[in-house]
């Protein structure tokens, strides 16, 4: 059964959101394909048909996380401020 382009885009977004969250929580090497597909509610086949490999998924999930964080941060917030906050003792 073919999936519509709209549904494929939703599936892709769901995989990226789950992957970026899990990778932030556990680290890239701490997340296997099984955990990624389970968290996204998808199958291995759908993950590989969307991304081709875990490495490609990692690339896109990191870009997804950065873009999502960029939408949350005010424009006047400088990158150096973000890095300082991220590396602060309070955040760790």
C-alpha atoms as a PDB file:
ATOM      1  CA  UNK A   1       0.000   0.000   0.000  1.00  0.00           C
ATOM      2  CA  UNK A   2       1.432   3.358  -1.045  1.00  0.00           C
ATOM      3  CA  UNK A   3       1.561   6.243   1.383  1.00  0.00           C
ATOM      4  CA  UNK A   4       0.548   9.708   0.185  1.00  0.00           C
ATOM      5  CA  UNK A   5       3.202  12.414  -0.007  1.00  0.00           C
ATOM      6  CA  UNK A   6       1.451  14.238   2.817  1.00  0.00           C
ATOM      7  CA  UNK A   7       1.500  11.166   5.068  1.00  0.00           C
ATOM      8  CA  UNK A   8       5.127  10.444   4.140  1.00  0.00           C
ATOM      9  CA  UNK A   9       6.056  13.992   5.213  1.00  0.00           C
ATOM     10  CA  UNK A  10       4.216  13.527   8.516  1.00  0.00           C
ATOM     11  CA  UNK A  11       5.980  10.203   9.058  1.00  0.00           C
ATOM     12  CA  UNK A  12       9.335  11.818   8.336  1.00  0.00           C
ATOM     13  CA  UNK A  13       8.660  14.620  10.817  1.00  0.00           C
ATOM     14  CA  UNK A  14       7.580  12.106  13.444  1.00  0.00           C
ATOM     15  CA  UNK A  15      10.778  10.096  12.978  1.00  0.00           C
ATOM     16  CA  UNK A  16      12.935  13.237  13.116  1.00  0.00           C
ATOM     17  CA  UNK A  17      11.241  14.508  16.269  1.00  0.00           C
ATOM     18  CA  UNK A  18      11.609  11.156  18.032  1.00  0.00           C
ATOM     19  CA  UNK A  19      15.198  10.703  16.860  1.00  0.00           C
ATOM     20  CA  UNK A  20      16.335  14.177  17.887  1.00  0.00           C
ATOM     21  CA  UNK A  21      14.739  13.735  21.331  1.00  0.00           C
ATOM     22  CA  UNK A  22      16.248  10.295  21.928  1.00  0.00           C
ATOM     23  CA  UNK A  23      19.678  11.353  20.677  1.00  0.00           C
ATOM     24  CA  UNK A  24      19.695  14.322  23.048  1.00  0.00           C
ATOM     25  CA  UNK A  25      18.684  12.056  25.929  1.00  0.00           C
ATOM     26  CA  UNK A  26      20.944   9.054  25.241  1.00  0.00           C
ATOM     27  CA  UNK A  27      23.562  10.222  22.775  1.00  0.00           C
ATOM     28  CA  UNK A  28      23.878   9.107  19.173  1.00  0.00           C
ATOM     29  CA  UNK A  29      25.626   5.830  19.934  1.00  0.00           C
ATOM     30  CA  UNK A  30      23.137   5.110  22.728  1.00  0.00           C
ATOM     31  CA  UNK A  31      20.177   4.930  20.358  1.00  0.00           C
ATOM     32  CA  UNK A  32      19.672   1.977  18.059  1.00  0.00           C
ATOM     33  CA  UNK A  33      17.348   1.694  15.107  1.00  0.00           C
ATOM     34  CA  UNK A  34      14.977  -0.446  17.210  1.00  0.00           C
ATOM     35  CA  UNK A  35      14.563   2.336  19.780  1.00  0.00           C
ATOM     36  CA  UNK A  36      14.152   4.961  17.070  1.00  0.00           C
ATOM     37  CA  UNK A  37      11.434   3.085  15.232  1.00  0.00           C
ATOM     38  CA  UNK A  38       9.623   2.210  18.452  1.00  0.00           C
ATOM     39  CA  UNK A  39       9.673   5.832  19.681  1.00  0.00           C
ATOM     40  CA  UNK A  40       8.337   7.067  16.351  1.00  0.00           C
ATOM     41  CA  UNK A  41       5.757   4.286  16.072  1.00  0.00           C
ATOM     42  CA  UNK A  42       7.205   3.276  12.724  1.00  0.00           C
ATOM     43  CA  UNK A  43       8.793   0.193  11.179  1.00  0.00           C
ATOM     44  CA  UNK A  44      12.413  -0.370  10.214  1.00  0.00           C
ATOM     45  CA  UNK A  45      11.352  -0.332   6.584  1.00  0.00           C
ATOM     46  CA  UNK A  46       9.736   3.087   6.835  1.00  0.00           C
ATOM     47  CA  UNK A  47      12.800   4.515   8.545  1.00  0.00           C
ATOM     48  CA  UNK A  48      15.153   3.141   5.894  1.00  0.00           C
ATOM     49  CA  UNK A  49      12.857   4.176   3.035  1.00  0.00           C
ATOM     50  CA  UNK A  50      12.854   7.749   4.396  1.00  0.00           C
ATOM     51  CA  UNK A  51      16.553   8.072   5.284  1.00  0.00           C
ATOM     52  CA  UNK A  52      18.484   5.129   3.836  1.00  0.00           C
ATOM     53  CA  UNK A  53      20.751   4.725   6.866  1.00  0.00           C
ATOM     54  CA  UNK A  54      21.069   5.585  10.526  1.00  0.00           C
ATOM     55  CA  UNK A  55      23.909   7.956   9.644  1.00  0.00           C
ATOM     56  CA  UNK A  56      21.670   9.966   7.334  1.00  0.00           C
ATOM     57  CA  UNK A  57      18.954  10.011   9.997  1.00  0.00           C
ATOM     58  CA  UNK A  58      21.486  11.326  12.531  1.00  0.00           C
ATOM     59  CA  UNK A  59      22.453  14.161  10.168  1.00  0.00           C
ATOM     60  CA  UNK A  60      18.849  15.182   9.636  1.00  0.00           C
ATOM     61  CA  UNK A  61      17.838  14.722  13.294  1.00  0.00           C
ATOM     62  CA  UNK A  62      20.649  17.019  14.446  1.00  0.00           C
ATOM     63  CA  UNK A  63      19.624  19.629  11.858  1.00  0.00           C
ATOM     64  CA  UNK A  64      15.994  19.216  12.979  1.00  0.00           C
ATOM     65  CA  UNK A  65      16.939  19.773  16.641  1.00  0.00           C
ATOM     66  CA  UNK A  66      18.996  22.863  15.813  1.00  0.00           C
ATOM     67  CA  UNK A  67      16.200  24.329  13.694  1.00  0.00           C
ATOM     68  CA  UNK A  68      13.622  23.630  16.408  1.00  0.00           C
ATOM     69  CA  UNK A  69      15.808  25.270  19.041  1.00  0.00           C
ATOM     70  CA  UNK A  70      16.351  28.227  16.720  1.00  0.00           C
ATOM     71  CA  UNK A  71      12.603  28.794  16.570  1.00  0.00           C
ATOM     72  CA  UNK A  72      12.479  28.848  20.388  1.00  0.00           C
ATOM     73  CA  UNK A  73      15.285  31.376  20.835  1.00  0.00           C
ATOM     74  CA  UNK A  74      14.565  35.103  20.376  1.00  0.00           C
ATOM     75  CA  UNK A  75      16.391  36.745  17.478  1.00  0.00           C
ATOM     76  CA  UNK A  76      18.244  39.098  19.834  1.00  0.00           C
ATOM     77  CA  UNK A  77      19.761  36.109  21.641  1.00  0.00           C
ATOM     78  CA  UNK A  78      23.335  35.754  20.396  1.00  0.00           C
ATOM     79  CA  UNK A  79      24.916  32.370  19.672  1.00  0.00           C
ATOM     80  CA  UNK A  80      27.558  33.046  22.317  1.00  0.00           C
ATOM     81  CA  UNK A  81      24.787  33.598  24.883  1.00  0.00           C
ATOM     82  CA  UNK A  82      23.177  30.315  23.912  1.00  0.00           C
ATOM     83  CA  UNK A  83      26.465  28.420  24.158  1.00  0.00           C
ATOM     84  CA  UNK A  84      27.250  30.014  27.530  1.00  0.00           C
ATOM     85  CA  UNK A  85      23.829  29.051  28.873  1.00  0.00           C
ATOM     86  CA  UNK A  86      24.060  25.527  27.465  1.00  0.00           C
ATOM     87  CA  UNK A  87      27.473  24.972  29.050  1.00  0.00           C
ATOM     88  CA  UNK A  88      26.579  26.611  32.364  1.00  0.00           C
ATOM     89  CA  UNK A  89      26.726  24.690  35.624  1.00  0.00           C
ATOM     90  CA  UNK A  90      22.982  25.179  36.084  1.00  0.00           C
ATOM     91  CA  UNK A  91      22.215  23.451  32.767  1.00  0.00           C
ATOM     92  CA  UNK A  92      24.593  20.581  33.418  1.00  0.00           C
END
